[in-house]
C-alpha atoms as a PDB file:
ATOM      1  CA  MET A   1       6.838 -10.157  -1.071  1.00  0.00           C
ATOM      2  CA  ILE A   2       8.129 -10.405   2.433  1.00  0.00           C
ATOM      3  CA  ILE A   3       6.269  -9.208   5.498  1.00  0.00           C
ATOM      4  CA  TYR A   4       8.432  -7.835   8.305  1.00  0.00           C
ATOM      5  CA  ASP A   5       7.365  -7.718  11.938  1.00  0.00           C
ATOM      6  CA  ALA A   6       7.941  -4.094  12.970  1.00  0.00           C
ATOM      7  CA  VAL A   7       8.442  -5.038  16.622  1.00  0.00           C
ATOM      8  CA  ARG A   8      11.387  -7.303  15.811  1.00  0.00           C
ATOM      9  CA  ILE A   9      13.081  -4.996  13.319  1.00  0.00           C
ATOM     10  CA  ARG A  10      16.007  -2.831  14.385  1.00  0.00           C
ATOM     11  CA  PRO A  11      16.337   0.805  13.266  1.00  0.00           C
ATOM     12  CA  PHE A  12      19.211   0.065  10.869  1.00  0.00           C
ATOM     13  CA  GLU A  13      17.176  -2.806   9.336  1.00  0.00           C
ATOM     14  CA  LEU A  14      14.219  -0.455   8.842  1.00  0.00           C
ATOM     15  CA  ARG A  15      16.525   1.994   7.031  1.00  0.00           C
ATOM     16  CA  GLN A  16      17.698  -0.875   4.802  1.00  0.00           C
ATOM     17  CA  LEU A  17      14.086  -1.792   3.984  1.00  0.00           C
ATOM     18  CA  GLU A  18      13.301   1.836   3.171  1.00  0.00           C
ATOM     19  CA  ALA A  19      16.415   1.993   0.962  1.00  0.00           C
ATOM     20  CA  SER A  20      15.235  -1.121  -0.899  1.00  0.00           C
ATOM     21  CA  VAL A  21      12.356   0.976  -2.268  1.00  0.00           C
ATOM     22  CA  GLY A  22      14.487   4.027  -3.064  1.00  0.00           C
ATOM     23  CA  GLY A  23      14.409   5.869   0.235  1.00  0.00           C
ATOM     24  CA  LYS A  24      12.087   8.587   1.480  1.00  0.00           C
ATOM     25  CA  PHE A  25      11.183  11.767  -0.373  1.00  0.00           C
ATOM     26  CA  SER A  26      12.440  15.106   0.935  1.00  0.00           C
ATOM     27  CA  ILE A  27       9.925  17.531   2.438  1.00  0.00           C
ATOM     28  CA  ALA A  28      10.016  19.641  -0.756  1.00  0.00           C
ATOM     29  CA  GLU A  29       9.345  16.543  -2.882  1.00  0.00           C
ATOM     30  CA  ARG A  30       6.459  15.543  -0.597  1.00  0.00           C
ATOM     31  CA  LEU A  31       4.882  18.964  -1.029  1.00  0.00           C
ATOM     32  CA  ARG A  32       5.387  18.901  -4.808  1.00  0.00           C
ATOM     33  CA  LEU A  33       3.714  15.473  -5.023  1.00  0.00           C
ATOM     34  CA  GLY A  34       0.795  16.672  -2.936  1.00  0.00           C
ATOM     35  CA  GLY A  35       1.487  14.110  -0.241  1.00  0.00           C
ATOM     36  CA  ILE A  36       2.948  10.626  -0.229  1.00  0.00           C
ATOM     37  CA  GLY A  37       0.616   8.786   2.140  1.00  0.00           C
ATOM     38  CA  SER A  38      -2.579   7.039   1.173  1.00  0.00           C
ATOM     39  CA  PRO A  39      -5.905   7.047   2.961  1.00  0.00           C
ATOM     40  CA  MET A  40      -6.267   4.066   5.276  1.00  0.00           C
ATOM     41  CA  VAL A  41      -7.631   0.917   3.670  1.00  0.00           C
ATOM     42  CA  TYR A  42      -8.562  -2.539   4.850  1.00  0.00           C
ATOM     43  CA  TYR A  43      -6.893  -5.672   3.584  1.00  0.00           C
ATOM     44  CA  LEU A  44      -9.051  -8.130   1.624  1.00  0.00           C
ATOM     45  CA  ASN A  45      -6.658 -10.836   0.389  1.00  0.00           C
ATOM     46  CA  GLY A  46      -3.643 -11.652  -1.734  1.00  0.00           C
ATOM     47  CA  LEU A  47      -0.711 -12.388   0.577  1.00  0.00           C
ATOM     48  CA  SER A  48      -0.731 -15.715   2.415  1.00  0.00           C
ATOM     49  CA  GLU A  49       0.906 -14.332   5.586  1.00  0.00           C
ATOM     50  CA  LEU A  50      -1.702 -11.565   5.838  1.00  0.00           C
ATOM     51  CA  ASP A  51      -4.467 -14.026   4.990  1.00  0.00           C
ATOM     52  CA  GLU A  52      -3.363 -16.110   7.998  1.00  0.00           C
ATOM     53  CA  LEU A  53      -3.347 -13.022  10.244  1.00  0.00           C
ATOM     54  CA  GLN A  54      -6.816 -12.103   8.976  1.00  0.00           C
ATOM     55  CA  THR A  55      -8.076 -15.581   9.824  1.00  0.00           C
ATOM     56  CA  VAL A  56      -6.984 -15.426  13.474  1.00  0.00           C
ATOM     57  CA  SER A  57      -7.710 -11.730  14.042  1.00  0.00           C
ATOM     58  CA  ASN A  58     -10.946 -10.346  15.457  1.00  0.00           C
ATOM     59  CA  ASP A  59     -10.398  -7.042  13.656  1.00  0.00           C
ATOM     60  CA  GLU A  60      -9.872  -6.184  10.033  1.00  0.00           C
ATOM     61  CA  ILE A  61      -6.285  -5.594   8.989  1.00  0.00           C
ATOM     62  CA  ARG A  62      -5.673  -1.891   8.333  1.00  0.00           C
ATOM     63  CA  VAL A  63      -3.103  -0.757   5.778  1.00  0.00           C
ATOM     64  CA  ASN A  64      -1.541   2.543   4.796  1.00  0.00           C
ATOM     65  CA  LEU A  65       0.607   2.899   1.680  1.00  0.00           C
ATOM     66  CA  GLU A  66       3.455   5.378   1.530  1.00  0.00           C
ATOM     67  CA  LEU A  67       5.230   6.344  -1.667  1.00  0.00           C
ATOM     68  CA  PHE A  68       8.990   6.024  -1.736  1.00  0.00           C
ATOM     69  CA  LYS A  69      11.322   7.024  -4.572  1.00  0.00           C
ATOM     70  CA  ALA A  70      11.352   3.553  -6.165  1.00  0.00           C
ATOM     71  CA  GLY A  71       8.353   1.792  -4.689  1.00  0.00           C
ATOM     72  CA  ILE A  72       5.759   1.752  -1.978  1.00  0.00           C
ATOM     73  CA  PHE A  73       5.949   0.853   1.675  1.00  0.00           C
ATOM     74  CA  LEU A  74       2.922  -0.817   3.226  1.00  0.00           C
ATOM     75  CA  ARG A  75       2.378  -0.215   6.903  1.00  0.00           C
ATOM     76  CA  VAL A  76       0.111  -2.944   8.180  1.00  0.00           C
ATOM     77  CA  ALA A  77      -1.723  -2.943  11.517  1.00  0.00           C
ATOM     78  CA  GLU A  78      -3.327  -6.119  12.804  1.00  0.00           C
ATOM     79  CA  ARG A  79      -4.822  -5.115  16.147  1.00  0.00           C
ATOM     80  CA  THR A  80      -1.730  -3.780  17.937  1.00  0.00           C
ATOM     81  CA  ASN A  81       0.790  -5.723  15.848  1.00  0.00           C
ATOM     82  CA  PRO A  82       2.557  -3.599  13.202  1.00  0.00           C
ATOM     83  CA  TYR A  83       4.181  -4.989  10.047  1.00  0.00           C
ATOM     84  CA  PHE A  84       6.034  -3.539   7.034  1.00  0.00           C
ATOM     85  CA  ILE A  85       5.984  -4.687   3.424  1.00  0.00           C
ATOM     86  CA  PRO A  86       8.346  -2.908   0.983  1.00  0.00           C
ATOM     87  CA  ILE A  87       7.309  -3.271  -2.666  1.00  0.00           C
ATOM     88  CA  PRO A  88       9.632  -2.077  -5.471  1.00  0.00           C
ATOM     89  CA  ILE A  89       7.729  -0.276  -8.234  1.00  0.00           C
ATOM     90  CA  GLY A  90       9.134  -2.708 -10.825  1.00  0.00           C
ATOM     91  CA  ASP A  91       7.226  -5.542  -9.140  1.00  0.00           C
ATOM     92  CA  ILE A  92       3.869  -3.799  -9.709  1.00  0.00           C
ATOM     93  CA  VAL A  93       2.345  -4.454 -13.132  1.00  0.00           C
ATOM     94  CA  ALA A  94      -0.944  -2.597 -12.657  1.00  0.00           C
ATOM     95  CA  VAL A  95      -2.943  -0.606 -10.139  1.00  0.00           C
ATOM     96  CA  THR A  96      -6.732  -0.724 -10.326  1.00  0.00           C
ATOM     97  CA  LEU A  97      -9.130   1.569  -8.508  1.00  0.00           C
ATOM     98  CA  PHE A  98     -12.892   1.064  -8.474  1.00  0.00           C
ATOM     99  CA  LYS A  99     -15.723   2.856  -6.709  1.00  0.00           C
ATOM    100  CA  SER A 100     -19.175   1.458  -6.046  1.00  0.00           C
ATOM    101  CA  LYS A 101     -21.945   2.637  -3.712  1.00  0.00           C
ATOM    102  CA  GLU A 102     -20.717   0.229  -1.058  1.00  0.00           C
ATOM    103  CA  GLN A 103     -16.944   0.672  -1.183  1.00  0.00           C
ATOM    104  CA  THR A 104     -13.784   1.760  -2.949  1.00  0.00           C
ATOM    105  CA  ARG A 105     -11.450  -1.038  -4.029  1.00  0.00           C
ATOM    106  CA  LEU A 106      -7.740  -0.871  -4.764  1.00  0.00           C
ATOM    107  CA  ASN A 107      -5.851  -3.788  -6.326  1.00  0.00           C
ATOM    108  CA  LEU A 108      -2.125  -4.109  -6.930  1.00  0.00           C
ATOM    109  CA  LEU A 109      -1.242  -6.685  -9.602  1.00  0.00           C
ATOM    110  CA  PHE A 110       2.239  -8.206  -9.674  1.00  0.00           C
ATOM    111  CA  ALA A 111       4.231  -9.854 -12.471  1.00  0.00           C
ATOM    112  CA  GLU A 112       3.895 -13.310 -10.913  1.00  0.00           C
ATOM    113  CA  GLY A 113       0.099 -12.957 -11.168  1.00  0.00           C
ATOM    114  CA  GLU A 114      -0.340 -12.222  -7.468  1.00  0.00           C
ATOM    115  CA  GLN A 115      -2.718  -9.484  -6.395  1.00  0.00           C
ATOM    116  CA  LEU A 116      -3.049  -7.520  -3.200  1.00  0.00           C
ATOM    117  CA  LYS A 117      -6.636  -6.378  -2.707  1.00  0.00           C
ATOM    118  CA  PHE A 118      -7.822  -3.629  -0.390  1.00  0.00           C
ATOM    119  CA  TRP A 119     -11.106  -1.858   0.310  1.00  0.00           C
ATOM    120  CA  SER A 120     -12.158   1.386   1.937  1.00  0.00           C
ATOM    121  CA  HIS A 121     -15.295   3.445   2.311  1.00  0.00           C
ATOM    122  CA  PRO A 122     -16.682   5.159  -0.833  1.00  0.00           C
ATOM    123  CA  ALA A 123     -15.793   8.561   0.644  1.00  0.00           C
ATOM    124  CA  GLU A 124     -12.087   7.619   0.435  1.00  0.00           C
ATOM    125  CA  PHE A 125     -12.202   7.350  -3.376  1.00  0.00           C
ATOM    126  CA  ASP A 126     -11.127  10.964  -3.924  1.00  0.00           C
ATOM    127  CA  GLY A 127      -8.175  10.536  -1.560  1.00  0.00           C
ATOM    128  CA  TRP A 128      -7.078   7.403  -3.412  1.00  0.00           C
ATOM    129  CA  ASP A 129      -7.535   9.094  -6.783  1.00  0.00           C
ATOM    130  CA  ARG A 130      -5.322  12.006  -5.634  1.00  0.00           C
ATOM    131  CA  PHE A 131      -2.757   9.556  -4.240  1.00  0.00           C
ATOM    132  CA  LEU A 132      -2.513   7.738  -7.574  1.00  0.00           C
ATOM    133  CA  ARG A 133      -2.406  10.870  -9.748  1.00  0.00           C
ATOM    134  CA  GLY A 134       0.737  12.912 -10.137  1.00  0.00           C
ATOM    135  CA  ASN A 135       3.204  10.220  -9.152  1.00  0.00           C
ATOM    136  CA  PHE A 136       4.774   7.123 -10.664  1.00  0.00           C
ATOM    137  CA  LEU A 137       1.814   4.890  -9.740  1.00  0.00           C
ATOM    138  CA  GLU A 138      -0.324   6.828 -12.254  1.00  0.00           C
ATOM    139  CA  ALA A 139       1.577   5.150 -15.092  1.00  0.00           C
ATOM    140  CA  LYS A 140       0.639   1.749 -13.674  1.00  0.00           C
ATOM    141  CA  ARG A 141      -3.047   2.582 -13.194  1.00  0.00           C
ATOM    142  CA  THR A 142      -5.244   0.752 -15.647  1.00  0.00           C
ATOM    143  CA  PHE A 143      -8.837   1.073 -14.506  1.00  0.00           C
ATOM    144  CA  LEU A 144     -10.911   3.778 -12.910  1.00  0.00           C
ATOM    145  CA  GLU A 145     -14.668   3.990 -12.586  1.00  0.00           C
ATOM    146  CA  GLY A 146     -16.629   6.596 -10.747  1.00  0.00           C
END
């Protein structure tokens, strides 16, 4: 996985990154899927570059996932610094979602054994469950507790 600094990326490079995960859905497709954006989550660990940002940051790293036709696009915000991470769906082996009284957790497992781990408030569980259902990530989902 490569993290891209959104400030340094040019518009044509952003379009290339979006194309690397299949491109955006049309408005009709977005409506049919019931939305393509996730609730906001906070980064826990899993990617060394983000781990380094987390270490030097005073705030938690916020992440939003957006579905694309052949993958997901992570929009990362560390304070006022935005980053992008395109992830082709073929790289994701499993998606796990777990809810406890304290928090909702989302994990993305990759073929190389890497994992990206996120957390959000328990109230966000339903939003994450809706995001995962009815799209290609549902087939990758392996664990759900409520």
